[in-house]
N, C-alpha and C. Protein backbone atom coordinates (compact mmCIF):
# COMPACT_ATOMS: atom_id res chain seq x y z
N MET A 1 -24.85 -4.30 -25.32
CA MET A 1 -25.21 -4.48 -23.92
C MET A 1 -26.37 -3.58 -23.54
N ARG A 2 -26.32 -2.32 -23.98
CA ARG A 2 -27.36 -1.37 -23.64
C ARG A 2 -28.70 -1.79 -24.25
N VAL A 3 -28.65 -2.28 -25.51
CA VAL A 3 -29.87 -2.72 -26.17
C VAL A 3 -30.51 -3.87 -25.40
N THR A 4 -29.66 -4.80 -24.95
CA THR A 4 -30.15 -5.94 -24.18
C THR A 4 -30.79 -5.49 -22.89
N SER A 5 -30.17 -4.53 -22.19
CA SER A 5 -30.69 -4.02 -20.93
C SER A 5 -32.04 -3.33 -21.14
N VAL A 6 -32.14 -2.53 -22.19
CA VAL A 6 -33.39 -1.84 -22.49
C VAL A 6 -34.49 -2.84 -22.81
N SER A 7 -34.13 -3.87 -23.59
CA SER A 7 -35.10 -4.90 -23.95
C SER A 7 -35.60 -5.64 -22.72
N PHE A 8 -34.68 -5.97 -21.80
CA PHE A 8 -35.06 -6.67 -20.57
C PHE A 8 -35.98 -5.80 -19.73
N LEU A 9 -35.65 -4.50 -19.61
CA LEU A 9 -36.46 -3.59 -18.81
C LEU A 9 -37.86 -3.45 -19.39
N ALA A 10 -37.94 -3.34 -20.71
CA ALA A 10 -39.24 -3.23 -21.37
C ALA A 10 -40.08 -4.48 -21.13
N SER A 11 -39.42 -5.64 -21.19
CA SER A 11 -40.12 -6.90 -20.95
C SER A 11 -40.63 -6.98 -19.52
N LEU A 12 -39.80 -6.52 -18.56
CA LEU A 12 -40.18 -6.55 -17.15
C LEU A 12 -41.37 -5.64 -16.90
N ILE A 13 -41.34 -4.43 -17.49
CA ILE A 13 -42.44 -3.48 -17.32
C ILE A 13 -43.73 -4.05 -17.89
N PHE A 14 -43.63 -4.69 -19.05
CA PHE A 14 -44.81 -5.30 -19.68
C PHE A 14 -45.38 -6.41 -18.79
N THR A 15 -44.49 -7.23 -18.24
CA THR A 15 -44.92 -8.34 -17.38
C THR A 15 -45.63 -7.82 -16.14
N MET A 16 -45.05 -6.81 -15.48
CA MET A 16 -45.66 -6.26 -14.27
C MET A 16 -47.00 -5.61 -14.57
N ALA A 17 -47.11 -4.95 -15.74
CA ALA A 17 -48.38 -4.34 -16.13
C ALA A 17 -49.45 -5.40 -16.33
N ALA A 18 -49.06 -6.52 -16.93
CA ALA A 18 -49.99 -7.62 -17.16
C ALA A 18 -50.44 -8.22 -15.83
N ILE A 19 -49.51 -8.35 -14.90
CA ILE A 19 -49.83 -8.90 -13.58
C ILE A 19 -50.80 -7.98 -12.84
N LYS A 20 -50.54 -6.68 -12.90
CA LYS A 20 -51.42 -5.72 -12.22
C LYS A 20 -52.81 -5.76 -12.80
N SER A 21 -52.90 -5.95 -14.12
CA SER A 21 -54.20 -6.04 -14.78
C SER A 21 -54.94 -7.30 -14.35
N ALA A 22 -54.21 -8.41 -14.22
CA ALA A 22 -54.82 -9.68 -13.83
C ALA A 22 -55.11 -9.75 -12.34
N LEU A 23 -54.37 -9.01 -11.55
CA LEU A 23 -54.49 -9.06 -10.10
C LEU A 23 -54.40 -7.65 -9.54
N PRO A 24 -55.49 -6.89 -9.57
CA PRO A 24 -55.46 -5.49 -9.13
C PRO A 24 -54.95 -5.29 -7.71
N GLU A 25 -55.15 -6.29 -6.82
CA GLU A 25 -54.72 -6.11 -5.44
C GLU A 25 -53.21 -6.25 -5.26
N ALA A 26 -52.49 -6.63 -6.32
CA ALA A 26 -51.03 -6.79 -6.20
C ALA A 26 -50.34 -5.45 -6.41
N VAL A 27 -50.62 -4.52 -5.50
CA VAL A 27 -50.06 -3.17 -5.65
C VAL A 27 -48.71 -3.04 -4.96
N THR A 28 -48.38 -3.96 -4.09
CA THR A 28 -47.11 -3.88 -3.36
C THR A 28 -46.07 -4.84 -3.93
N GLY A 29 -46.40 -5.50 -5.02
CA GLY A 29 -45.47 -6.47 -5.60
C GLY A 29 -45.69 -7.87 -5.10
N THR A 30 -46.62 -8.06 -4.16
CA THR A 30 -46.97 -9.39 -3.66
C THR A 30 -48.49 -9.52 -3.64
N PHE A 31 -48.95 -10.75 -3.49
CA PHE A 31 -50.39 -10.97 -3.34
C PHE A 31 -50.64 -12.09 -2.35
N ASN A 32 -51.82 -12.06 -1.74
CA ASN A 32 -52.22 -13.10 -0.80
C ASN A 32 -52.89 -14.23 -1.56
N TYR A 33 -52.53 -15.45 -1.21
CA TYR A 33 -53.07 -16.64 -1.88
C TYR A 33 -53.58 -17.60 -0.82
N PHE A 34 -54.80 -18.11 -1.02
CA PHE A 34 -55.41 -19.07 -0.11
C PHE A 34 -55.37 -20.44 -0.76
N ALA A 35 -54.66 -21.38 -0.13
CA ALA A 35 -54.51 -22.73 -0.67
C ALA A 35 -55.29 -23.72 0.18
N PHE A 36 -56.11 -24.54 -0.47
CA PHE A 36 -56.91 -25.53 0.25
C PHE A 36 -56.66 -26.95 -0.25
N GLY A 37 -55.87 -27.09 -1.33
CA GLY A 37 -55.59 -28.41 -1.90
C GLY A 37 -54.13 -28.79 -1.73
N SER A 38 -53.51 -29.25 -2.80
CA SER A 38 -52.12 -29.72 -2.70
C SER A 38 -51.15 -28.61 -2.31
N ASN A 39 -51.49 -27.35 -2.60
CA ASN A 39 -50.59 -26.24 -2.25
C ASN A 39 -50.63 -25.88 -0.77
N LEU A 40 -51.37 -26.65 0.01
CA LEU A 40 -51.23 -26.54 1.47
C LEU A 40 -49.80 -26.89 1.87
N TRP A 41 -49.23 -27.84 1.15
CA TRP A 41 -47.89 -28.33 1.49
C TRP A 41 -46.85 -27.44 0.82
N SER A 42 -45.95 -26.91 1.61
CA SER A 42 -44.95 -25.96 1.11
C SER A 42 -44.11 -26.55 -0.01
N LYS A 43 -43.74 -27.82 0.10
CA LYS A 43 -42.88 -28.42 -0.93
C LYS A 43 -43.57 -28.42 -2.29
N ARG A 44 -44.87 -28.67 -2.31
CA ARG A 44 -45.61 -28.66 -3.58
C ARG A 44 -45.69 -27.25 -4.15
N LEU A 45 -46.06 -26.28 -3.34
CA LEU A 45 -46.20 -24.91 -3.83
C LEU A 45 -44.88 -24.35 -4.31
N HIS A 46 -43.80 -24.62 -3.58
CA HIS A 46 -42.50 -24.06 -3.93
C HIS A 46 -41.91 -24.64 -5.21
N MET A 47 -42.48 -25.75 -5.70
CA MET A 47 -42.02 -26.29 -6.98
C MET A 47 -42.28 -25.30 -8.11
N GLY A 48 -43.36 -24.52 -8.01
CA GLY A 48 -43.69 -23.57 -9.06
C GLY A 48 -43.65 -22.12 -8.63
N SER A 49 -43.80 -21.89 -7.32
CA SER A 49 -43.83 -20.53 -6.78
C SER A 49 -42.84 -20.43 -5.62
N PRO A 50 -41.56 -20.36 -5.93
CA PRO A 50 -40.53 -20.38 -4.88
C PRO A 50 -40.53 -19.16 -3.97
N THR A 51 -41.22 -18.08 -4.35
CA THR A 51 -41.23 -16.87 -3.51
C THR A 51 -42.30 -16.93 -2.42
N ALA A 52 -43.12 -17.98 -2.41
CA ALA A 52 -44.23 -18.07 -1.46
C ALA A 52 -43.74 -18.14 -0.02
N VAL A 53 -44.35 -17.32 0.83
CA VAL A 53 -44.03 -17.29 2.26
C VAL A 53 -45.33 -17.54 3.04
N ARG A 54 -45.30 -18.51 3.93
CA ARG A 54 -46.50 -18.83 4.70
C ARG A 54 -46.81 -17.71 5.70
N LYS A 55 -48.08 -17.32 5.74
CA LYS A 55 -48.52 -16.24 6.63
C LYS A 55 -49.56 -16.71 7.64
N GLY A 56 -49.72 -18.01 7.76
CA GLY A 56 -50.70 -18.53 8.71
C GLY A 56 -51.78 -19.32 8.00
N PHE A 57 -52.98 -19.33 8.58
CA PHE A 57 -54.08 -20.05 7.95
C PHE A 57 -55.39 -19.33 8.24
N GLY A 58 -56.41 -19.73 7.52
CA GLY A 58 -57.72 -19.11 7.68
C GLY A 58 -58.78 -19.97 7.04
N TYR A 59 -59.97 -19.40 6.85
CA TYR A 59 -61.06 -20.18 6.28
C TYR A 59 -61.97 -19.32 5.41
N LEU A 60 -62.60 -19.99 4.47
CA LEU A 60 -63.65 -19.39 3.64
C LEU A 60 -64.99 -19.75 4.25
N GLU A 61 -65.78 -18.75 4.56
CA GLU A 61 -67.10 -18.99 5.15
C GLU A 61 -68.11 -19.27 4.04
N ASN A 62 -69.00 -20.23 4.33
CA ASN A 62 -70.08 -20.60 3.41
C ASN A 62 -69.57 -21.20 2.09
N PHE A 63 -68.51 -21.96 2.20
CA PHE A 63 -68.00 -22.77 1.10
C PHE A 63 -67.73 -24.17 1.64
N ARG A 64 -67.84 -25.16 0.77
CA ARG A 64 -67.46 -26.52 1.16
C ARG A 64 -66.34 -27.01 0.25
N LEU A 65 -65.56 -27.94 0.76
CA LEU A 65 -64.51 -28.58 -0.04
C LEU A 65 -65.12 -29.75 -0.80
N ASP A 66 -64.77 -29.86 -2.07
CA ASP A 66 -65.25 -30.99 -2.86
C ASP A 66 -64.17 -31.37 -3.88
N PHE A 67 -64.44 -32.43 -4.64
CA PHE A 67 -63.49 -32.94 -5.62
C PHE A 67 -64.25 -33.27 -6.90
N PHE A 68 -63.67 -32.90 -8.03
CA PHE A 68 -64.39 -33.06 -9.29
C PHE A 68 -63.40 -33.01 -10.45
N HIS A 69 -63.90 -33.28 -11.66
CA HIS A 69 -63.08 -33.21 -12.88
C HIS A 69 -62.10 -34.41 -12.85
N TYR A 70 -61.00 -34.34 -13.57
CA TYR A 70 -59.97 -35.38 -13.55
C TYR A 70 -58.63 -34.74 -13.84
N ALA A 71 -57.66 -35.02 -12.99
CA ALA A 71 -56.30 -34.51 -13.17
C ALA A 71 -55.40 -35.69 -13.50
N ALA A 72 -54.87 -35.71 -14.72
CA ALA A 72 -54.04 -36.84 -15.16
C ALA A 72 -52.81 -37.01 -14.28
N ARG A 73 -52.19 -35.89 -13.88
CA ARG A 73 -50.99 -35.98 -13.05
C ARG A 73 -51.29 -36.66 -11.73
N TRP A 74 -52.44 -36.34 -11.15
CA TRP A 74 -52.79 -36.91 -9.84
C TRP A 74 -53.59 -38.20 -9.97
N ARG A 75 -54.08 -38.49 -11.17
CA ARG A 75 -54.89 -39.68 -11.42
C ARG A 75 -56.14 -39.73 -10.55
N GLY A 76 -56.80 -38.62 -10.49
CA GLY A 76 -58.04 -38.54 -9.72
C GLY A 76 -58.63 -37.15 -9.77
N ALA A 77 -59.67 -36.94 -9.00
CA ALA A 77 -60.37 -35.66 -8.99
C ALA A 77 -59.64 -34.66 -8.09
N PRO A 78 -59.36 -33.46 -8.59
CA PRO A 78 -58.70 -32.44 -7.78
C PRO A 78 -59.71 -31.67 -6.92
N ALA A 79 -59.20 -30.92 -5.98
CA ALA A 79 -60.04 -30.18 -5.03
C ALA A 79 -60.61 -28.91 -5.64
N THR A 80 -61.77 -28.53 -5.13
CA THR A 80 -62.38 -27.26 -5.50
C THR A 80 -63.18 -26.75 -4.31
N ILE A 81 -63.65 -25.52 -4.42
CA ILE A 81 -64.53 -24.95 -3.41
C ILE A 81 -65.88 -24.71 -4.05
N VAL A 82 -66.94 -25.00 -3.28
CA VAL A 82 -68.30 -24.85 -3.78
C VAL A 82 -69.10 -24.04 -2.76
N GLU A 83 -69.81 -23.04 -3.23
CA GLU A 83 -70.62 -22.23 -2.33
C GLU A 83 -71.70 -23.08 -1.66
N GLN A 84 -71.74 -23.05 -0.33
CA GLN A 84 -72.78 -23.75 0.42
C GLN A 84 -72.86 -23.17 1.82
N GLN A 85 -74.04 -22.68 2.17
CA GLN A 85 -74.25 -22.05 3.47
C GLN A 85 -73.94 -23.02 4.61
N GLY A 86 -73.32 -22.47 5.65
CA GLY A 86 -73.06 -23.24 6.85
C GLY A 86 -71.80 -24.09 6.83
N HIS A 87 -71.04 -24.02 5.75
CA HIS A 87 -69.80 -24.81 5.64
C HIS A 87 -68.59 -23.89 5.67
N ARG A 88 -67.44 -24.49 5.96
CA ARG A 88 -66.17 -23.76 5.95
C ARG A 88 -65.10 -24.60 5.26
N VAL A 89 -64.24 -23.90 4.55
CA VAL A 89 -63.05 -24.53 3.97
C VAL A 89 -61.84 -23.88 4.60
N TRP A 90 -61.03 -24.68 5.28
CA TRP A 90 -59.81 -24.16 5.89
C TRP A 90 -58.64 -24.31 4.92
N GLY A 91 -57.68 -23.41 5.06
CA GLY A 91 -56.52 -23.49 4.17
C GLY A 91 -55.36 -22.63 4.64
N ALA A 92 -54.29 -22.69 3.87
CA ALA A 92 -53.07 -21.94 4.19
C ALA A 92 -53.10 -20.57 3.54
N LEU A 93 -52.57 -19.59 4.24
CA LEU A 93 -52.41 -18.24 3.71
C LEU A 93 -50.96 -18.05 3.29
N TRP A 94 -50.76 -17.70 2.04
CA TRP A 94 -49.43 -17.47 1.50
C TRP A 94 -49.32 -16.06 0.95
N GLU A 95 -48.15 -15.46 1.10
CA GLU A 95 -47.84 -14.21 0.42
C GLU A 95 -46.82 -14.54 -0.67
N ILE A 96 -47.14 -14.20 -1.91
CA ILE A 96 -46.32 -14.60 -3.06
C ILE A 96 -45.95 -13.38 -3.88
N ASN A 97 -44.71 -13.34 -4.35
CA ASN A 97 -44.29 -12.26 -5.23
C ASN A 97 -45.10 -12.32 -6.52
N ALA A 98 -45.52 -11.15 -6.99
CA ALA A 98 -46.38 -11.08 -8.17
C ALA A 98 -45.74 -11.68 -9.41
N THR A 99 -44.42 -11.77 -9.43
CA THR A 99 -43.75 -12.36 -10.60
C THR A 99 -44.05 -13.85 -10.73
N ASN A 100 -44.52 -14.48 -9.63
CA ASN A 100 -44.88 -15.90 -9.68
C ASN A 100 -46.34 -16.14 -10.05
N LEU A 101 -47.09 -15.05 -10.27
CA LEU A 101 -48.50 -15.22 -10.63
C LEU A 101 -48.70 -16.05 -11.89
N PRO A 102 -47.96 -15.81 -12.97
CA PRO A 102 -48.14 -16.65 -14.16
C PRO A 102 -47.85 -18.13 -13.89
N ASP A 103 -46.89 -18.40 -13.01
CA ASP A 103 -46.54 -19.78 -12.67
C ASP A 103 -47.69 -20.46 -11.92
N LEU A 104 -48.30 -19.71 -10.99
CA LEU A 104 -49.41 -20.26 -10.22
C LEU A 104 -50.62 -20.49 -11.11
N ASP A 105 -50.91 -19.53 -11.97
CA ASP A 105 -52.02 -19.70 -12.92
C ASP A 105 -51.80 -20.91 -13.82
N LYS A 106 -50.56 -21.10 -14.25
CA LYS A 106 -50.25 -22.24 -15.12
C LYS A 106 -50.45 -23.55 -14.38
N GLN A 107 -49.99 -23.60 -13.12
CA GLN A 107 -50.17 -24.81 -12.32
C GLN A 107 -51.65 -25.16 -12.18
N GLU A 108 -52.49 -24.14 -12.03
CA GLU A 108 -53.91 -24.36 -11.82
C GLU A 108 -54.70 -24.53 -13.13
N GLY A 109 -54.02 -24.41 -14.26
CA GLY A 109 -54.70 -24.62 -15.54
C GLY A 109 -55.69 -23.54 -15.91
N VAL A 110 -55.40 -22.31 -15.49
CA VAL A 110 -56.32 -21.20 -15.77
C VAL A 110 -56.48 -20.99 -17.28
N HIS A 111 -55.38 -21.05 -18.00
CA HIS A 111 -55.43 -20.79 -19.44
C HIS A 111 -56.11 -21.92 -20.22
N ASN A 112 -56.22 -23.09 -19.60
CA ASN A 112 -56.94 -24.20 -20.22
C ASN A 112 -58.37 -24.29 -19.71
N GLN A 113 -58.76 -23.28 -18.92
CA GLN A 113 -60.11 -23.20 -18.36
C GLN A 113 -60.46 -24.40 -17.49
N VAL A 114 -59.47 -24.88 -16.74
CA VAL A 114 -59.71 -25.92 -15.75
C VAL A 114 -60.17 -25.25 -14.46
N TYR A 115 -59.37 -24.30 -13.98
CA TYR A 115 -59.72 -23.49 -12.82
C TYR A 115 -59.89 -22.04 -13.25
N LYS A 116 -60.63 -21.30 -12.44
CA LYS A 116 -60.73 -19.86 -12.62
C LYS A 116 -60.25 -19.20 -11.33
N ALA A 117 -59.67 -18.02 -11.46
CA ALA A 117 -59.14 -17.30 -10.30
C ALA A 117 -60.20 -16.35 -9.75
N LEU A 118 -60.36 -16.37 -8.43
CA LEU A 118 -61.30 -15.49 -7.74
C LEU A 118 -60.55 -14.69 -6.68
N THR A 119 -61.11 -13.58 -6.27
CA THR A 119 -60.62 -12.84 -5.11
C THR A 119 -61.71 -12.90 -4.06
N LEU A 120 -61.42 -13.58 -2.94
CA LEU A 120 -62.42 -13.81 -1.90
C LEU A 120 -61.89 -13.41 -0.53
N PRO A 121 -62.80 -13.03 0.39
CA PRO A 121 -62.38 -12.70 1.75
C PRO A 121 -62.11 -13.96 2.57
N VAL A 122 -60.94 -14.04 3.14
CA VAL A 122 -60.56 -15.18 3.98
C VAL A 122 -60.40 -14.68 5.41
N ARG A 123 -61.02 -15.35 6.34
CA ARG A 123 -60.97 -14.96 7.75
C ARG A 123 -59.91 -15.78 8.49
N THR A 124 -59.22 -15.11 9.39
CA THR A 124 -58.22 -15.79 10.20
C THR A 124 -58.80 -16.07 11.58
N PRO A 125 -58.19 -16.98 12.35
CA PRO A 125 -58.68 -17.27 13.69
C PRO A 125 -58.72 -16.04 14.60
N SER A 126 -57.88 -15.04 14.32
CA SER A 126 -57.85 -13.83 15.14
C SER A 126 -58.94 -12.83 14.77
N GLY A 127 -59.69 -13.12 13.70
CA GLY A 127 -60.77 -12.24 13.29
C GLY A 127 -60.45 -11.32 12.14
N GLU A 128 -59.20 -11.36 11.66
CA GLU A 128 -58.80 -10.52 10.54
C GLU A 128 -59.37 -11.09 9.24
N THR A 129 -59.69 -10.21 8.30
CA THR A 129 -60.16 -10.63 6.99
C THR A 129 -59.18 -10.16 5.93
N LEU A 130 -58.74 -11.09 5.08
CA LEU A 130 -57.78 -10.78 4.02
C LEU A 130 -58.38 -11.11 2.66
N GLU A 131 -58.19 -10.23 1.71
CA GLU A 131 -58.60 -10.51 0.34
C GLU A 131 -57.53 -11.40 -0.30
N CYS A 132 -57.93 -12.57 -0.76
CA CYS A 132 -56.96 -13.54 -1.27
C CYS A 132 -57.34 -14.06 -2.65
N ARG A 133 -56.33 -14.44 -3.38
CA ARG A 133 -56.54 -15.13 -4.65
C ARG A 133 -56.86 -16.58 -4.33
N VAL A 134 -57.93 -17.08 -4.92
CA VAL A 134 -58.40 -18.44 -4.68
C VAL A 134 -58.78 -19.04 -6.04
N TYR A 135 -58.54 -20.33 -6.20
CA TYR A 135 -58.86 -20.99 -7.46
C TYR A 135 -60.03 -21.95 -7.28
N GLN A 136 -60.97 -21.88 -8.22
CA GLN A 136 -62.17 -22.72 -8.20
C GLN A 136 -62.33 -23.38 -9.56
N LEU A 137 -62.70 -24.65 -9.58
CA LEU A 137 -62.94 -25.32 -10.85
C LEU A 137 -63.99 -24.57 -11.66
N VAL A 138 -63.77 -24.48 -12.95
CA VAL A 138 -64.74 -23.82 -13.83
C VAL A 138 -66.05 -24.60 -13.82
N LYS A 139 -65.94 -25.93 -13.85
CA LYS A 139 -67.12 -26.79 -13.76
C LYS A 139 -67.14 -27.42 -12.38
N ASN A 140 -68.07 -26.95 -11.56
CA ASN A 140 -68.14 -27.42 -10.18
C ASN A 140 -69.21 -28.49 -10.01
N PRO A 141 -69.05 -29.37 -9.01
CA PRO A 141 -70.01 -30.46 -8.82
C PRO A 141 -71.26 -30.02 -8.06
N ALA A 142 -72.30 -30.82 -8.20
CA ALA A 142 -73.52 -30.64 -7.42
C ALA A 142 -73.25 -31.16 -6.01
N PRO A 143 -74.13 -30.83 -5.06
CA PRO A 143 -73.94 -31.35 -3.69
C PRO A 143 -73.82 -32.87 -3.68
N LEU A 144 -72.97 -33.37 -2.82
CA LEU A 144 -72.75 -34.82 -2.71
C LEU A 144 -73.92 -35.46 -1.97
N GLU A 145 -74.50 -36.48 -2.58
CA GLU A 145 -75.60 -37.20 -1.94
C GLU A 145 -75.04 -38.17 -0.92
N GLY A 146 -75.44 -38.02 0.33
CA GLY A 146 -74.93 -38.89 1.37
C GLY A 146 -73.56 -38.46 1.86
N GLY A 147 -72.91 -39.31 2.64
CA GLY A 147 -71.59 -38.99 3.19
C GLY A 147 -70.47 -39.39 2.26
N GLU A 148 -69.25 -39.37 2.82
CA GLU A 148 -68.07 -39.70 2.03
C GLU A 148 -68.11 -41.11 1.46
N GLU A 149 -68.76 -42.02 2.16
CA GLU A 149 -68.84 -43.40 1.67
C GLU A 149 -69.64 -43.50 0.38
N GLU A 150 -70.47 -42.47 0.13
CA GLU A 150 -71.29 -42.46 -1.08
C GLU A 150 -70.65 -41.68 -2.22
N ARG A 151 -69.42 -41.19 -2.02
CA ARG A 151 -68.76 -40.41 -3.07
C ARG A 151 -68.52 -41.29 -4.29
N PRO A 152 -69.06 -40.91 -5.47
CA PRO A 152 -68.88 -41.74 -6.67
C PRO A 152 -67.43 -41.74 -7.14
N PHE A 153 -67.06 -42.79 -7.85
CA PHE A 153 -65.67 -42.97 -8.27
C PHE A 153 -65.14 -41.77 -9.04
N GLU A 154 -65.95 -41.19 -9.93
CA GLU A 154 -65.49 -40.07 -10.76
C GLU A 154 -65.28 -38.79 -9.95
N ARG A 155 -65.68 -38.79 -8.69
CA ARG A 155 -65.46 -37.63 -7.82
C ARG A 155 -64.49 -37.95 -6.69
N GLN A 156 -63.72 -39.02 -6.86
CA GLN A 156 -62.76 -39.40 -5.84
C GLN A 156 -61.35 -38.94 -6.20
N PRO A 157 -60.65 -38.30 -5.27
CA PRO A 157 -59.24 -37.95 -5.50
C PRO A 157 -58.38 -39.19 -5.39
N SER A 158 -57.14 -39.09 -5.85
CA SER A 158 -56.22 -40.22 -5.70
C SER A 158 -55.65 -40.26 -4.29
N LYS A 159 -55.09 -41.39 -3.93
CA LYS A 159 -54.48 -41.52 -2.61
C LYS A 159 -53.29 -40.58 -2.47
N THR A 160 -52.46 -40.49 -3.52
CA THR A 160 -51.31 -39.60 -3.47
C THR A 160 -51.74 -38.16 -3.22
N TYR A 161 -52.77 -37.73 -3.93
CA TYR A 161 -53.26 -36.36 -3.79
C TYR A 161 -53.71 -36.09 -2.36
N MET A 162 -54.47 -37.01 -1.78
CA MET A 162 -54.94 -36.81 -0.41
C MET A 162 -53.80 -36.88 0.59
N ASP A 163 -52.79 -37.72 0.32
CA ASP A 163 -51.61 -37.75 1.18
C ASP A 163 -50.94 -36.38 1.23
N VAL A 164 -50.83 -35.74 0.06
CA VAL A 164 -50.20 -34.42 -0.01
C VAL A 164 -51.05 -33.38 0.73
N ILE A 165 -52.37 -33.43 0.55
CA ILE A 165 -53.25 -32.48 1.21
C ILE A 165 -53.18 -32.63 2.72
N VAL A 166 -53.25 -33.87 3.20
CA VAL A 166 -53.20 -34.10 4.65
C VAL A 166 -51.85 -33.67 5.21
N ARG A 167 -50.78 -33.99 4.50
CA ARG A 167 -49.45 -33.57 4.94
C ARG A 167 -49.39 -32.05 5.05
N GLY A 168 -49.94 -31.38 4.04
CA GLY A 168 -49.95 -29.92 4.04
C GLY A 168 -50.82 -29.33 5.13
N ALA A 169 -51.95 -29.98 5.40
CA ALA A 169 -52.85 -29.50 6.45
C ALA A 169 -52.18 -29.57 7.82
N LYS A 170 -51.45 -30.66 8.05
CA LYS A 170 -50.73 -30.80 9.32
C LYS A 170 -49.59 -29.80 9.41
N GLU A 171 -48.87 -29.61 8.31
CA GLU A 171 -47.77 -28.65 8.29
C GLU A 171 -48.29 -27.24 8.54
N THR A 172 -49.47 -26.94 8.01
CA THR A 172 -50.06 -25.61 8.17
C THR A 172 -50.59 -25.38 9.57
N GLY A 173 -50.95 -26.46 10.25
CA GLY A 173 -51.52 -26.33 11.59
C GLY A 173 -53.02 -26.12 11.58
N LEU A 174 -53.69 -26.68 10.57
CA LEU A 174 -55.14 -26.54 10.50
C LEU A 174 -55.80 -27.25 11.68
N PRO A 175 -57.03 -26.85 12.05
CA PRO A 175 -57.72 -27.47 13.18
C PRO A 175 -57.77 -28.99 13.06
N GLU A 176 -57.61 -29.66 14.18
CA GLU A 176 -57.53 -31.12 14.18
C GLU A 176 -58.78 -31.77 13.61
N ASP A 177 -59.96 -31.20 13.90
CA ASP A 177 -61.18 -31.81 13.39
C ASP A 177 -61.25 -31.70 11.87
N TYR A 178 -60.68 -30.63 11.31
CA TYR A 178 -60.68 -30.48 9.85
C TYR A 178 -59.69 -31.47 9.23
N VAL A 179 -58.55 -31.67 9.89
CA VAL A 179 -57.58 -32.66 9.40
C VAL A 179 -58.21 -34.05 9.42
N ARG A 180 -58.95 -34.36 10.48
CA ARG A 180 -59.61 -35.66 10.55
C ARG A 180 -60.63 -35.82 9.41
N PHE A 181 -61.33 -34.72 9.10
CA PHE A 181 -62.26 -34.76 7.97
C PHE A 181 -61.52 -35.09 6.68
N LEU A 182 -60.38 -34.44 6.46
CA LEU A 182 -59.60 -34.69 5.25
C LEU A 182 -59.17 -36.15 5.17
N GLU A 183 -58.85 -36.72 6.31
CA GLU A 183 -58.41 -38.12 6.35
C GLU A 183 -59.53 -39.10 6.03
N THR A 184 -60.79 -38.62 6.10
CA THR A 184 -61.93 -39.50 5.81
C THR A 184 -62.39 -39.40 4.36
N VAL A 185 -61.84 -38.46 3.59
CA VAL A 185 -62.28 -38.31 2.20
C VAL A 185 -61.99 -39.60 1.43
N LYS A 186 -63.00 -40.12 0.78
CA LYS A 186 -62.86 -41.38 0.05
C LYS A 186 -62.02 -41.17 -1.20
N HIS A 187 -60.92 -41.93 -1.32
CA HIS A 187 -60.05 -41.79 -2.49
C HIS A 187 -60.17 -43.04 -3.37
N ASN A 188 -59.60 -42.95 -4.57
CA ASN A 188 -59.73 -44.06 -5.53
C ASN A 188 -58.61 -45.09 -5.44
N GLY A 189 -57.67 -44.87 -4.51
CA GLY A 189 -56.59 -45.83 -4.32
C GLY A 189 -55.42 -45.68 -5.26
N TYR A 190 -55.54 -44.81 -6.26
CA TYR A 190 -54.47 -44.64 -7.24
C TYR A 190 -53.34 -43.78 -6.68
N THR A 191 -52.16 -44.00 -7.22
CA THR A 191 -51.04 -43.11 -6.94
C THR A 191 -50.87 -42.18 -8.13
N GLY A 192 -50.16 -41.07 -7.93
CA GLY A 192 -50.01 -40.09 -8.99
C GLY A 192 -48.90 -40.44 -9.97
N ASP A 193 -48.55 -39.47 -10.79
CA ASP A 193 -47.45 -39.62 -11.74
C ASP A 193 -46.21 -40.08 -10.99
N PRO A 194 -45.60 -41.22 -11.37
CA PRO A 194 -44.46 -41.77 -10.62
C PRO A 194 -43.32 -40.78 -10.41
N GLN A 195 -42.91 -40.07 -11.46
CA GLN A 195 -41.79 -39.14 -11.32
C GLN A 195 -42.18 -37.96 -10.44
N PHE A 196 -43.41 -37.49 -10.59
CA PHE A 196 -43.89 -36.38 -9.77
C PHE A 196 -43.93 -36.79 -8.31
N GLU A 197 -44.34 -38.03 -8.06
CA GLU A 197 -44.39 -38.55 -6.70
C GLU A 197 -42.99 -38.62 -6.10
N ILE A 198 -42.02 -39.01 -6.91
CA ILE A 198 -40.64 -39.06 -6.45
C ILE A 198 -40.13 -37.66 -6.13
N ASP A 199 -40.45 -36.70 -7.02
CA ASP A 199 -40.02 -35.32 -6.80
C ASP A 199 -40.57 -34.78 -5.49
N LEU A 200 -41.81 -35.15 -5.17
CA LEU A 200 -42.43 -34.68 -3.94
C LEU A 200 -42.05 -35.53 -2.74
N ALA A 201 -41.52 -36.71 -3.01
CA ALA A 201 -41.13 -37.63 -1.93
C ALA A 201 -42.31 -37.95 -1.03
N VAL A 202 -43.43 -38.31 -1.64
CA VAL A 202 -44.61 -38.65 -0.85
C VAL A 202 -44.80 -40.16 -0.73
N GLN A 203 -43.77 -40.93 -1.12
CA GLN A 203 -43.88 -42.37 -0.96
C GLN A 203 -43.93 -42.74 0.52
N ASP A 204 -43.31 -41.88 1.34
CA ASP A 204 -43.31 -42.11 2.79
C ASP A 204 -44.73 -41.96 3.31
N LYS A 205 -45.29 -43.02 3.86
CA LYS A 205 -46.67 -42.99 4.32
C LYS A 205 -46.79 -42.52 5.77
N ASN A 206 -45.67 -42.16 6.40
CA ASN A 206 -45.72 -41.71 7.78
C ASN A 206 -46.13 -40.24 7.82
N LEU A 207 -47.41 -39.99 7.63
CA LEU A 207 -47.92 -38.63 7.60
C LEU A 207 -48.28 -38.16 9.00
């Protein structure tokens, strides 16, 4: 029994040391996370990070929301942030226990070099600035030519994905004009992984 306890403690210490190395700001055992895609919706985020607690919402200044790459689970292009002056990306602010950091990184495909983790300043409506963990696609798209109607098929998210994002944006309480913008994003009409869709219960179109 004692050997098992010592082994568990050693494993825990190693895990926490690795987390601190990967996320220096996680000095209190938690970290701030800014979600702008599917993790806006609490049900989606809690599937992999059950310790997440919503702390409000905020925005990234001089970034735009875009969609690129291909996510097999969602059957379309996932969300990313791209640096661009004069734009804002709104999202949810979450406080997550550092023990869930590996789970969040895995969800975002960090180890497969799909997304990379950044630490960026997020501003709240009250004027506060928080340093948050944010995920950005490793390969980001060029500026979109024209409006949403001109979005090429390979840069279109699936309908299921956008349903989840819009649901999460409303749940978070994001500004109405930003929610309306999300509702105009051109999607490819596809639904996501059937079982995943059932798990999320997003078949209900009453968003």
